[in-house]
Amino acid sequence: MPAVQKVRDAAARTQCINNMKQIVLGSHGCHDAYKVFPAGYDNRFTGALVKILPYIDQEAMYDAFNQTAGNYWFSAAANNLPTAAAAPLTAPNNGRWGAQGTPTVFLCPVAPPAVESTWIVQIQTCGYPGVDYPGTLGLADNETYCYNSAPPVGQLGITNYLPCAGYAWEPPNTMATAIANTNQGMYTWNSAVKIDQISDGTSNTIAFLESAGGSASGNNSLATWINYSWVSAICYANFWVCPNPANGNCEVGTNNYHLNYATPGSLHSGGVVNCAYADGTVRGLQPSVSFINYVYLCGYMDAQEVDPTSFE
């Protein structure tokens, strides 16, 4: 039985690596077309994973997504705050959310399946308005807005792979902003990173991170599992890798998952987290990686060329 389990673990990790490979190559397809990598999210909170759909054989899903009217959670008014009661668009998507369904390329085979989600994150605001996210919508700093009713839970798609936004600094002041700019990831609000701007080197810069999700209850119960919607998914380096027990951002439960919905973490053997780098390679990241090295790997222009092979 242990040998069989080892084979299954290896197969699952291979599938996860292949998924991430497709995603990062899809981001390069977007770069080839537009000469920049897609933004982490735009003023509508439409994220990078939406923009790469046409480059990972998901043109139909991309076409179903409303790219123009209000915010992506559009309900009665264009600038409504996200709510659990928001209704799906009626036109031009014929009642579809646009964010319905989950391409298999967004799912890790060892993570809890989408049907086990009880909460789905619409958006997360991290940092401060006007710098790290749109400052015109009345959204609170460092808040998470979730769907927790059915529908839309059960209709909205999820992702186990998050674009890396790097480290978000606060409070807003000149020095903090200057430092934050050096620790930015490739995918931030309205970012438009060109490949030749990745001064740390594409092989030393994390573009996407794996996340199995986590518990909304604080005890890692699958009965309250929370995932990120692929529409606006993003990962900040402020929240360290799980399941590292030293990481205070991780939920610690009796089943020892130590997972959180917006924190890099996995249920692979040994807790190895798969990361896709800007050069298109996918490597494992041990949960024992130090926080500072993790932050440096997530930044694309911090002048710290950390060797990712040191943490596999």
C-alpha atoms as a PDB file:
ATOM      1  CA  MET A   1       0.000   0.000   0.000  1.00  0.00           C
ATOM      2  CA  PRO A   2       2.742   2.570   0.751  1.00  0.00           C
ATOM      3  CA  ALA A   3       4.255   1.917  -2.688  1.00  0.00           C
ATOM      4  CA  VAL A   4       0.876   2.406  -4.365  1.00  0.00           C
ATOM      5  CA  GLN A   5       0.352   5.637  -2.457  1.00  0.00           C
ATOM      6  CA  LYS A   6       3.775   6.876  -3.499  1.00  0.00           C
ATOM      7  CA  VAL A   7       2.927   6.233  -7.151  1.00  0.00           C
ATOM      8  CA  ARG A   8      -0.384   8.076  -6.758  1.00  0.00           C
ATOM      9  CA  ASP A   9       1.337  11.006  -5.062  1.00  0.00           C
ATOM     10  CA  ALA A  10       3.881  11.207  -7.873  1.00  0.00           C
ATOM     11  CA  ALA A  11       1.170  11.078 -10.535  1.00  0.00           C
ATOM     12  CA  ALA A  12      -0.841  13.796  -8.820  1.00  0.00           C
ATOM     13  CA  ARG A  13       2.162  16.060  -8.502  1.00  0.00           C
ATOM     14  CA  THR A  14       3.040  15.477 -12.165  1.00  0.00           C
ATOM     15  CA  GLN A  15      -0.491  16.522 -13.165  1.00  0.00           C
ATOM     16  CA  CYS A  16      -0.248  19.586 -10.945  1.00  0.00           C
ATOM     17  CA  ILE A  17       3.091  20.523 -12.510  1.00  0.00           C
ATOM     18  CA  ASN A  18       1.628  20.084 -15.986  1.00  0.00           C
ATOM     19  CA  ASN A  19      -1.283  22.366 -15.090  1.00  0.00           C
ATOM     20  CA  MET A  20       1.045  25.079 -13.872  1.00  0.00           C
ATOM     21  CA  LYS A  21       3.210  24.680 -16.948  1.00  0.00           C
ATOM     22  CA  GLN A  22       0.180  25.338 -19.160  1.00  0.00           C
ATOM     23  CA  ILE A  23      -0.781  28.372 -17.099  1.00  0.00           C
ATOM     24  CA  VAL A  24       2.639  30.009 -17.162  1.00  0.00           C
ATOM     25  CA  LEU A  25       3.035  29.292 -20.874  1.00  0.00           C
ATOM     26  CA  GLY A  26      -0.434  30.784 -21.366  1.00  0.00           C
ATOM     27  CA  SER A  27       0.799  33.947 -19.675  1.00  0.00           C
ATOM     28  CA  HIS A  28       3.667  34.026 -22.155  1.00  0.00           C
ATOM     29  CA  GLY A  29       1.154  33.644 -24.974  1.00  0.00           C
ATOM     30  CA  CYS A  30      -0.599  36.725 -23.619  1.00  0.00           C
ATOM     31  CA  HIS A  31       2.755  38.523 -23.454  1.00  0.00           C
ATOM     32  CA  ASP A  32       3.494  37.595 -27.051  1.00  0.00           C
ATOM     33  CA  ALA A  33       0.146  39.054 -28.127  1.00  0.00           C
ATOM     34  CA  TYR A  34       0.149  42.246 -26.033  1.00  0.00           C
ATOM     35  CA  LYS A  35       3.868  42.702 -25.242  1.00  0.00           C
ATOM     36  CA  VAL A  36       3.118  42.651 -21.487  1.00  0.00           C
ATOM     37  CA  PHE A  37       2.027  40.026 -18.991  1.00  0.00           C
ATOM     38  CA  PRO A  38      -1.626  40.420 -17.940  1.00  0.00           C
ATOM     39  CA  ALA A  39      -2.410  42.543 -14.898  1.00  0.00           C
ATOM     40  CA  GLY A  40      -2.948  40.823 -11.575  1.00  0.00           C
ATOM     41  CA  TYR A  41      -6.384  42.382 -11.836  1.00  0.00           C
ATOM     42  CA  ASP A  42      -7.866  45.482 -13.398  1.00  0.00           C
ATOM     43  CA  ASN A  43     -10.329  48.115 -12.177  1.00  0.00           C
ATOM     44  CA  ARG A  44     -13.149  45.564 -12.473  1.00  0.00           C
ATOM     45  CA  PHE A  45     -11.127  43.023 -10.430  1.00  0.00           C
ATOM     46  CA  THR A  46     -10.881  40.846 -13.527  1.00  0.00           C
ATOM     47  CA  GLY A  47      -7.709  38.874 -12.917  1.00  0.00           C
ATOM     48  CA  ALA A  48      -4.804  37.452 -14.863  1.00  0.00           C
ATOM     49  CA  LEU A  49      -6.270  33.955 -15.117  1.00  0.00           C
ATOM     50  CA  VAL A  50      -9.212  35.372 -17.081  1.00  0.00           C
ATOM     51  CA  LYS A  51      -6.870  37.040 -19.540  1.00  0.00           C
ATOM     52  CA  ILE A  52      -4.904  33.868 -20.271  1.00  0.00           C
ATOM     53  CA  LEU A  53      -7.989  31.706 -20.966  1.00  0.00           C
ATOM     54  CA  PRO A  54      -7.644  32.029 -24.771  1.00  0.00           C
ATOM     55  CA  TYR A  55      -4.055  30.765 -24.500  1.00  0.00           C
ATOM     56  CA  ILE A  56      -4.924  27.598 -22.568  1.00  0.00           C
ATOM     57  CA  ASP A  57      -7.639  26.346 -24.926  1.00  0.00           C
ATOM     58  CA  GLN A  58     -10.504  28.011 -23.023  1.00  0.00           C
ATOM     59  CA  GLU A  59     -11.739  30.472 -25.642  1.00  0.00           C
ATOM     60  CA  ALA A  60     -15.411  29.648 -25.024  1.00  0.00           C
ATOM     61  CA  MET A  61     -15.085  30.381 -21.316  1.00  0.00           C
ATOM     62  CA  TYR A  62     -13.291  33.623 -22.095  1.00  0.00           C
ATOM     63  CA  ASP A  63     -16.025  34.660 -24.533  1.00  0.00           C
ATOM     64  CA  ALA A  64     -18.703  33.967 -21.891  1.00  0.00           C
ATOM     65  CA  PHE A  65     -17.104  36.362 -19.439  1.00  0.00           C
ATOM     66  CA  ASN A  66     -18.451  39.911 -19.462  1.00  0.00           C
ATOM     67  CA  GLN A  67     -15.451  42.216 -19.830  1.00  0.00           C
ATOM     68  CA  THR A  68     -17.211  45.564 -20.017  1.00  0.00           C
ATOM     69  CA  ALA A  69     -20.222  46.100 -17.716  1.00  0.00           C
ATOM     70  CA  GLY A  70     -19.470  47.335 -14.216  1.00  0.00           C
ATOM     71  CA  ASN A  71     -17.403  45.057 -12.018  1.00  0.00           C
ATOM     72  CA  TYR A  72     -17.268  41.354 -12.607  1.00  0.00           C
ATOM     73  CA  TRP A  73     -19.638  40.754  -9.655  1.00  0.00           C
ATOM     74  CA  PHE A  74     -22.131  43.112 -11.327  1.00  0.00           C
ATOM     75  CA  SER A  75     -25.617  42.968  -9.836  1.00  0.00           C
ATOM     76  CA  ALA A  76     -28.061  45.905  -9.716  1.00  0.00           C
ATOM     77  CA  ALA A  77     -25.511  48.733  -9.991  1.00  0.00           C
ATOM     78  CA  ALA A  78     -22.130  48.941 -11.643  1.00  0.00           C
ATOM     79  CA  ASN A  79     -20.256  49.746  -8.439  1.00  0.00           C
ATOM     80  CA  ASN A  80     -22.086  47.582  -5.917  1.00  0.00           C
ATOM     81  CA  LEU A  81     -19.883  46.176  -3.200  1.00  0.00           C
ATOM     82  CA  PRO A  82     -19.488  42.414  -3.518  1.00  0.00           C
ATOM     83  CA  THR A  83     -22.352  40.581  -1.838  1.00  0.00           C
ATOM     84  CA  ALA A  84     -23.409  36.989  -1.482  1.00  0.00           C
ATOM     85  CA  ALA A  85     -26.752  37.857  -3.102  1.00  0.00           C
ATOM     86  CA  ALA A  86     -25.380  39.289  -6.360  1.00  0.00           C
ATOM     87  CA  ALA A  87     -27.340  37.948  -9.307  1.00  0.00           C
ATOM     88  CA  PRO A  88     -25.740  36.508 -12.442  1.00  0.00           C
ATOM     89  CA  LEU A  89     -25.584  38.677 -15.509  1.00  0.00           C
ATOM     90  CA  THR A  90     -28.619  38.358 -17.763  1.00  0.00           C
ATOM     91  CA  ALA A  91     -27.073  39.921 -20.856  1.00  0.00           C
ATOM     92  CA  PRO A  92     -25.049  39.381 -22.903  1.00  0.00           C
ATOM     93  CA  ASN A  93     -24.299  36.119 -21.110  1.00  0.00           C
ATOM     94  CA  ASN A  94     -27.818  34.656 -21.016  1.00  0.00           C
ATOM     95  CA  GLY A  95     -27.864  34.211 -17.260  1.00  0.00           C
ATOM     96  CA  ARG A  96     -24.338  32.895 -16.975  1.00  0.00           C
ATOM     97  CA  TRP A  97     -22.056  34.318 -14.346  1.00  0.00           C
ATOM     98  CA  GLY A  98     -19.199  34.246 -16.830  1.00  0.00           C
ATOM     99  CA  ALA A  99     -17.169  32.922 -13.920  1.00  0.00           C
ATOM    100  CA  GLN A 100     -19.084  29.647 -13.892  1.00  0.00           C
ATOM    101  CA  GLY A 101     -17.251  26.370 -14.078  1.00  0.00           C
ATOM    102  CA  THR A 102     -13.657  25.435 -13.490  1.00  0.00           C
ATOM    103  CA  PRO A 103     -11.268  24.372 -16.236  1.00  0.00           C
ATOM    104  CA  THR A 104      -9.411  21.256 -15.079  1.00  0.00           C
ATOM    105  CA  VAL A 105      -6.148  23.099 -15.695  1.00  0.00           C
ATOM    106  CA  PHE A 106      -6.987  25.275 -12.659  1.00  0.00           C
ATOM    107  CA  LEU A 107      -7.405  22.289 -10.301  1.00  0.00           C
ATOM    108  CA  CYS A 108      -4.768  20.322  -8.427  1.00  0.00           C
ATOM    109  CA  PRO A 109      -5.805  16.651  -8.121  1.00  0.00           C
ATOM    110  CA  VAL A 110      -4.857  16.424  -4.416  1.00  0.00           C
ATOM    111  CA  ALA A 111      -6.719  19.571  -3.345  1.00  0.00           C
ATOM    112  CA  PRO A 112     -10.314  19.316  -2.082  1.00  0.00           C
ATOM    113  CA  PRO A 113     -12.587  19.388  -5.150  1.00  0.00           C
ATOM    114  CA  ALA A 114     -14.672  22.392  -6.060  1.00  0.00           C
ATOM    115  CA  VAL A 115     -17.884  20.708  -4.927  1.00  0.00           C
ATOM    116  CA  GLU A 116     -16.569  20.710  -1.340  1.00  0.00           C
ATOM    117  CA  SER A 117     -16.221  24.494  -1.233  1.00  0.00           C
ATOM    118  CA  THR A 118     -18.621  26.261   1.095  1.00  0.00           C
ATOM    119  CA  TRP A 119     -17.079  29.711   0.629  1.00  0.00           C
ATOM    120  CA  ILE A 120     -15.609  31.252  -2.524  1.00  0.00           C
ATOM    121  CA  VAL A 121     -13.585  34.438  -2.407  1.00  0.00           C
ATOM    122  CA  GLN A 122     -14.725  37.080  -4.873  1.00  0.00           C
ATOM    123  CA  ILE A 123     -11.905  39.507  -4.145  1.00  0.00           C
ATOM    124  CA  GLN A 124      -9.366  40.306  -1.473  1.00  0.00           C
ATOM    125  CA  THR A 125      -8.140  43.836  -0.825  1.00  0.00           C
ATOM    126  CA  CYS A 126      -4.571  43.905   0.450  1.00  0.00           C
ATOM    127  CA  GLY A 127      -2.397  46.965   0.988  1.00  0.00           C
ATOM    128  CA  TYR A 128      -4.088  50.317   0.581  1.00  0.00           C
ATOM    129  CA  PRO A 129      -6.555  51.844  -1.904  1.00  0.00           C
ATOM    130  CA  GLY A 130      -5.327  53.661  -4.962  1.00  0.00           C
ATOM    131  CA  VAL A 131      -1.977  51.862  -4.803  1.00  0.00           C
ATOM    132  CA  ASP A 132      -2.705  48.151  -4.372  1.00  0.00           C
ATOM    133  CA  TYR A 133      -6.345  48.050  -5.480  1.00  0.00           C
ATOM    134  CA  PRO A 134      -8.936  50.492  -6.904  1.00  0.00           C
ATOM    135  CA  GLY A 135      -9.584  53.302  -4.461  1.00  0.00           C
ATOM    136  CA  THR A 136     -12.945  54.366  -5.891  1.00  0.00           C
ATOM    137  CA  LEU A 137     -15.268  51.545  -4.852  1.00  0.00           C
ATOM    138  CA  GLY A 138     -15.445  52.055  -1.086  1.00  0.00           C
ATOM    139  CA  LEU A 139     -13.821  48.716  -0.313  1.00  0.00           C
ATOM    140  CA  ALA A 140     -12.152  48.329   3.080  1.00  0.00           C
ATOM    141  CA  ASP A 141      -8.410  47.777   3.480  1.00  0.00           C
ATOM    142  CA  ASN A 142      -7.298  44.184   3.978  1.00  0.00           C
ATOM    143  CA  GLU A 143     -10.743  42.675   3.692  1.00  0.00           C
ATOM    144  CA  THR A 144     -11.965  39.482   2.074  1.00  0.00           C
ATOM    145  CA  TYR A 145     -15.290  39.451   0.237  1.00  0.00           C
ATOM    146  CA  CYS A 146     -16.814  35.998  -0.147  1.00  0.00           C
ATOM    147  CA  TYR A 147     -19.786  34.196  -1.551  1.00  0.00           C
ATOM    148  CA  ASN A 148     -21.189  31.858   1.093  1.00  0.00           C
ATOM    149  CA  SER A 149     -24.607  30.916  -0.229  1.00  0.00           C
ATOM    150  CA  ALA A 150     -25.928  28.685  -2.971  1.00  0.00           C
ATOM    151  CA  PRO A 151     -26.089  30.046  -5.561  1.00  0.00           C
ATOM    152  CA  PRO A 152     -23.493  31.349  -6.353  1.00  0.00           C
ATOM    153  CA  VAL A 153     -21.389  28.810  -4.424  1.00  0.00           C
ATOM    154  CA  GLY A 154     -21.568  25.694  -6.533  1.00  0.00           C
ATOM    155  CA  GLN A 155     -21.727  27.799  -9.700  1.00  0.00           C
ATOM    156  CA  LEU A 156     -18.600  29.910  -9.511  1.00  0.00           C
ATOM    157  CA  GLY A 157     -15.335  28.316 -10.512  1.00  0.00           C
ATOM    158  CA  ILE A 158     -12.268  28.054  -8.284  1.00  0.00           C
ATOM    159  CA  THR A 159      -8.527  27.828  -8.793  1.00  0.00           C
ATOM    160  CA  ASN A 160      -5.672  26.129  -6.981  1.00  0.00           C
ATOM    161  CA  TYR A 161      -3.129  28.328  -8.772  1.00  0.00           C
ATOM    162  CA  LEU A 162      -2.660  31.972  -7.838  1.00  0.00           C
ATOM    163  CA  PRO A 163      -0.822  34.762  -9.710  1.00  0.00           C
ATOM    164  CA  CYS A 164       1.932  36.208  -7.524  1.00  0.00           C
ATOM    165  CA  ALA A 165       1.547  39.866  -6.503  1.00  0.00           C
ATOM    166  CA  GLY A 166       4.668  40.055  -4.360  1.00  0.00           C
ATOM    167  CA  TYR A 167       4.752  41.907  -1.050  1.00  0.00           C
ATOM    168  CA  ALA A 168       2.135  44.581  -0.303  1.00  0.00           C
ATOM    169  CA  TRP A 169       3.373  47.255   2.112  1.00  0.00           C
ATOM    170  CA  GLU A 170       1.344  49.517   4.375  1.00  0.00           C
ATOM    171  CA  PRO A 171       0.558  52.095   5.708  1.00  0.00           C
ATOM    172  CA  PRO A 172       0.785  54.463   2.729  1.00  0.00           C
ATOM    173  CA  ASN A 173       3.802  56.713   2.948  1.00  0.00           C
ATOM    174  CA  THR A 174       6.618  57.638   0.619  1.00  0.00           C
ATOM    175  CA  MET A 175       9.226  55.315   2.111  1.00  0.00           C
ATOM    176  CA  ALA A 176       6.913  52.314   2.345  1.00  0.00           C
ATOM    177  CA  THR A 177       5.751  52.837  -1.224  1.00  0.00           C
ATOM    178  CA  ALA A 178       9.318  53.058  -2.477  1.00  0.00           C
ATOM    179  CA  ILE A 179      10.253  49.818  -0.709  1.00  0.00           C
ATOM    180  CA  ALA A 180       7.096  48.089  -1.860  1.00  0.00           C
ATOM    181  CA  ASN A 181       7.822  48.916  -5.470  1.00  0.00           C
ATOM    182  CA  THR A 182      11.010  46.850  -5.295  1.00  0.00           C
ATOM    183  CA  ASN A 183       9.224  43.834  -3.797  1.00  0.00           C
ATOM    184  CA  GLN A 184       6.306  43.817  -6.220  1.00  0.00           C
ATOM    185  CA  GLY A 185       5.337  40.649  -7.965  1.00  0.00           C
ATOM    186  CA  MET A 186       4.547  40.329 -11.646  1.00  0.00           C
ATOM    187  CA  TYR A 187       0.786  40.440 -11.066  1.00  0.00           C
ATOM    188  CA  THR A 188      -0.545  43.503  -9.231  1.00  0.00           C
ATOM    189  CA  TRP A 189      -3.387  45.945  -9.769  1.00  0.00           C
ATOM    190  CA  ASN A 190      -3.204  47.258 -13.355  1.00  0.00           C
ATOM    191  CA  SER A 191       0.326  45.915 -13.759  1.00  0.00           C
ATOM    192  CA  ALA A 192       1.818  45.639 -17.236  1.00  0.00           C
ATOM    193  CA  VAL A 193       5.152  43.900 -16.722  1.00  0.00           C
ATOM    194  CA  LYS A 194       7.337  43.287 -19.739  1.00  0.00           C
ATOM    195  CA  ILE A 195       9.662  40.320 -19.742  1.00  0.00           C
ATOM    196  CA  ASP A 196      12.735  42.535 -20.055  1.00  0.00           C
ATOM    197  CA  GLN A 197      11.667  44.391 -16.877  1.00  0.00           C
ATOM    198  CA  ILE A 198      12.153  41.282 -14.738  1.00  0.00           C
ATOM    199  CA  SER A 199      15.567  42.434 -13.580  1.00  0.00           C
ATOM    200  CA  ASP A 200      15.987  39.637 -11.021  1.00  0.00           C
ATOM    201  CA  GLY A 201      15.903  37.126 -13.869  1.00  0.00           C
ATOM    202  CA  THR A 202      12.958  35.093 -15.094  1.00  0.00           C
ATOM    203  CA  SER A 203      14.391  31.885 -13.582  1.00  0.00           C
ATOM    204  CA  ASN A 204      14.509  33.533 -10.134  1.00  0.00           C
ATOM    205  CA  THR A 205      11.014  35.061 -10.118  1.00  0.00           C
ATOM    206  CA  ILE A 206       7.836  33.235  -9.099  1.00  0.00           C
ATOM    207  CA  ALA A 207       4.888  33.938 -11.378  1.00  0.00           C
ATOM    208  CA  PHE A 208       2.237  31.522 -10.018  1.00  0.00           C
ATOM    209  CA  LEU A 209       1.889  29.615  -6.746  1.00  0.00           C
ATOM    210  CA  GLU A 210      -0.110  26.566  -5.763  1.00  0.00           C
ATOM    211  CA  SER A 211      -2.810  26.843  -3.078  1.00  0.00           C
ATOM    212  CA  ALA A 212      -5.103  24.061  -1.907  1.00  0.00           C
ATOM    213  CA  GLY A 213      -7.472  26.493  -0.215  1.00  0.00           C
ATOM    214  CA  GLY A 214      -8.223  26.416   3.497  1.00  0.00           C
ATOM    215  CA  SER A 215     -10.879  26.523   6.166  1.00  0.00           C
ATOM    216  CA  ALA A 216     -13.114  29.505   6.853  1.00  0.00           C
ATOM    217  CA  SER A 217     -13.749  28.286  10.394  1.00  0.00           C
ATOM    218  CA  GLY A 218     -10.165  28.326  11.607  1.00  0.00           C
ATOM    219  CA  ASN A 219     -10.047  24.598  12.337  1.00  0.00           C
ATOM    220  CA  ASN A 220      -9.353  23.301   8.814  1.00  0.00           C
ATOM    221  CA  SER A 221     -12.671  21.522   8.617  1.00  0.00           C
ATOM    222  CA  LEU A 222     -13.627  20.499   5.102  1.00  0.00           C
ATOM    223  CA  ALA A 223     -17.170  21.454   6.087  1.00  0.00           C
ATOM    224  CA  THR A 224     -16.144  25.122   5.881  1.00  0.00           C
ATOM    225  CA  TRP A 225     -13.578  24.953   3.100  1.00  0.00           C
ATOM    226  CA  ILE A 226     -12.850  28.226   1.310  1.00  0.00           C
ATOM    227  CA  ASN A 227     -11.344  28.679  -2.150  1.00  0.00           C
ATOM    228  CA  TYR A 228     -10.488  31.538  -4.449  1.00  0.00           C
ATOM    229  CA  SER A 229     -12.452  32.224  -7.620  1.00  0.00           C
ATOM    230  CA  TRP A 230     -10.238  32.091 -10.700  1.00  0.00           C
ATOM    231  CA  VAL A 231     -11.752  35.428 -11.759  1.00  0.00           C
ATOM    232  CA  SER A 232      -9.709  37.563  -9.365  1.00  0.00           C
ATOM    233  CA  ALA A 233      -7.342  35.125  -7.638  1.00  0.00           C
ATOM    234  CA  ILE A 234      -4.088  36.622  -6.430  1.00  0.00           C
ATOM    235  CA  CYS A 235      -1.429  35.751  -3.870  1.00  0.00           C
ATOM    236  CA  TYR A 236       0.580  38.204  -1.746  1.00  0.00           C
ATOM    237  CA  ALA A 237       3.997  37.358  -0.355  1.00  0.00           C
ATOM    238  CA  ASN A 238       2.853  38.802   2.987  1.00  0.00           C
ATOM    239  CA  PHE A 239       1.212  35.433   3.596  1.00  0.00           C
ATOM    240  CA  TRP A 240       3.922  32.817   3.941  1.00  0.00           C
ATOM    241  CA  VAL A 241       4.086  29.262   2.652  1.00  0.00           C
ATOM    242  CA  CYS A 242       1.982  26.583   4.380  1.00  0.00           C
ATOM    243  CA  PRO A 243       2.139  24.100   5.977  1.00  0.00           C
ATOM    244  CA  ASN A 244       5.154  25.664   7.688  1.00  0.00           C
ATOM    245  CA  PRO A 245       4.233  25.542  11.414  1.00  0.00           C
ATOM    246  CA  ALA A 246       6.235  28.741  11.971  1.00  0.00           C
ATOM    247  CA  ASN A 247       3.893  30.650   9.676  1.00  0.00           C
ATOM    248  CA  GLY A 248       1.384  32.527  11.802  1.00  0.00           C
ATOM    249  CA  ASN A 249      -0.787  33.207   8.730  1.00  0.00           C
ATOM    250  CA  CYS A 250      -1.638  29.526   8.383  1.00  0.00           C
ATOM    251  CA  GLU A 251      -4.673  27.929   9.967  1.00  0.00           C
ATOM    252  CA  VAL A 252      -3.645  25.101  12.319  1.00  0.00           C
ATOM    253  CA  GLY A 253      -6.189  22.353  12.854  1.00  0.00           C
ATOM    254  CA  THR A 254      -6.374  18.880  14.312  1.00  0.00           C
ATOM    255  CA  ASN A 255      -5.795  17.298  10.900  1.00  0.00           C
ATOM    256  CA  ASN A 256      -2.503  19.201  10.506  1.00  0.00           C
ATOM    257  CA  TYR A 257      -3.377  20.796   7.170  1.00  0.00           C
ATOM    258  CA  HIS A 258      -2.070  24.223   8.249  1.00  0.00           C
ATOM    259  CA  LEU A 259      -3.714  25.675   5.134  1.00  0.00           C
ATOM    260  CA  ASN A 260      -5.241  29.016   4.215  1.00  0.00           C
ATOM    261  CA  TYR A 261      -7.184  29.970   1.092  1.00  0.00           C
ATOM    262  CA  ALA A 262      -4.808  32.751  -0.086  1.00  0.00           C
ATOM    263  CA  THR A 263      -1.580  31.237   1.208  1.00  0.00           C
ATOM    264  CA  PRO A 264       0.666  28.984  -0.871  1.00  0.00           C
ATOM    265  CA  GLY A 265       0.142  25.462   0.387  1.00  0.00           C
ATOM    266  CA  SER A 266      -0.575  21.940  -0.800  1.00  0.00           C
ATOM    267  CA  LEU A 267      -1.603  18.457   0.206  1.00  0.00           C
ATOM    268  CA  HIS A 268       1.233  16.881  -1.770  1.00  0.00           C
ATOM    269  CA  SER A 269       3.485  14.537   0.143  1.00  0.00           C
ATOM    270  CA  GLY A 270       5.781  16.580   2.362  1.00  0.00           C
ATOM    271  CA  GLY A 271       3.757  19.741   1.786  1.00  0.00           C
ATOM    272  CA  VAL A 272       5.788  20.673  -1.290  1.00  0.00           C
ATOM    273  CA  VAL A 273       4.238  23.677  -3.048  1.00  0.00           C
ATOM    274  CA  ASN A 274       4.559  23.857  -6.808  1.00  0.00           C
ATOM    275  CA  CYS A 275       5.629  27.231  -8.206  1.00  0.00           C
ATOM    276  CA  ALA A 276       5.727  28.364 -11.824  1.00  0.00           C
ATOM    277  CA  TYR A 277       8.598  30.741 -12.560  1.00  0.00           C
ATOM    278  CA  ALA A 278       8.635  33.513 -15.119  1.00  0.00           C
ATOM    279  CA  ASP A 279      10.901  31.516 -17.432  1.00  0.00           C
ATOM    280  CA  GLY A 280       8.218  28.822 -17.779  1.00  0.00           C
ATOM    281  CA  THR A 281       9.749  26.260 -15.425  1.00  0.00           C
ATOM    282  CA  VAL A 282       7.848  24.680 -12.530  1.00  0.00           C
ATOM    283  CA  ARG A 283       9.688  23.834  -9.314  1.00  0.00           C
ATOM    284  CA  GLY A 284       8.754  22.585  -5.890  1.00  0.00           C
ATOM    285  CA  LEU A 285       9.057  24.900  -2.895  1.00  0.00           C
ATOM    286  CA  GLN A 286       9.651  23.342   0.507  1.00  0.00           C
ATOM    287  CA  PRO A 287       7.499  24.763   3.318  1.00  0.00           C
ATOM    288  CA  SER A 288      10.698  25.287   5.305  1.00  0.00           C
ATOM    289  CA  VAL A 289      11.800  28.142   3.004  1.00  0.00           C
ATOM    290  CA  SER A 290      12.598  31.272   5.015  1.00  0.00           C
ATOM    291  CA  PHE A 291      10.175  34.153   4.822  1.00  0.00           C
ATOM    292  CA  ILE A 292      12.745  36.623   3.450  1.00  0.00           C
ATOM    293  CA  ASN A 293      13.850  34.254   0.675  1.00  0.00           C
ATOM    294  CA  TYR A 294      10.229  33.606  -0.201  1.00  0.00           C
ATOM    295  CA  VAL A 295       9.600  37.363  -0.482  1.00  0.00           C
ATOM    296  CA  TYR A 296      12.675  37.769  -2.694  1.00  0.00           C
ATOM    297  CA  LEU A 297      11.546  34.936  -4.981  1.00  0.00           C
ATOM    298  CA  CYS A 298       8.158  36.630  -5.357  1.00  0.00           C
ATOM    299  CA  GLY A 299       9.611  40.036  -6.285  1.00  0.00           C
ATOM    300  CA  TYR A 300      10.721  40.615  -9.862  1.00  0.00           C
ATOM    301  CA  MET A 301      12.926  43.690  -9.353  1.00  0.00           C
ATOM    302  CA  ASP A 302      14.237  43.610  -5.781  1.00  0.00           C
ATOM    303  CA  ALA A 303      17.870  43.024  -6.851  1.00  0.00           C
ATOM    304  CA  GLN A 304      17.927  39.747  -4.885  1.00  0.00           C
ATOM    305  CA  GLU A 305      18.660  36.871  -7.228  1.00  0.00           C
ATOM    306  CA  VAL A 306      17.759  33.985  -4.946  1.00  0.00           C
ATOM    307  CA  ASP A 307      18.461  30.523  -6.373  1.00  0.00           C
ATOM    308  CA  PRO A 308      15.146  28.630  -6.389  1.00  0.00           C
ATOM    309  CA  THR A 309      16.896  25.263  -6.633  1.00  0.00           C
ATOM    310  CA  SER A 310      18.072  25.799  -3.047  1.00  0.00           C
ATOM    311  CA  PHE A 311      14.516  25.331  -1.790  1.00  0.00           C
ATOM    312  CA  GLU A 312      13.294  22.354  -3.816  1.00  0.00           C
END
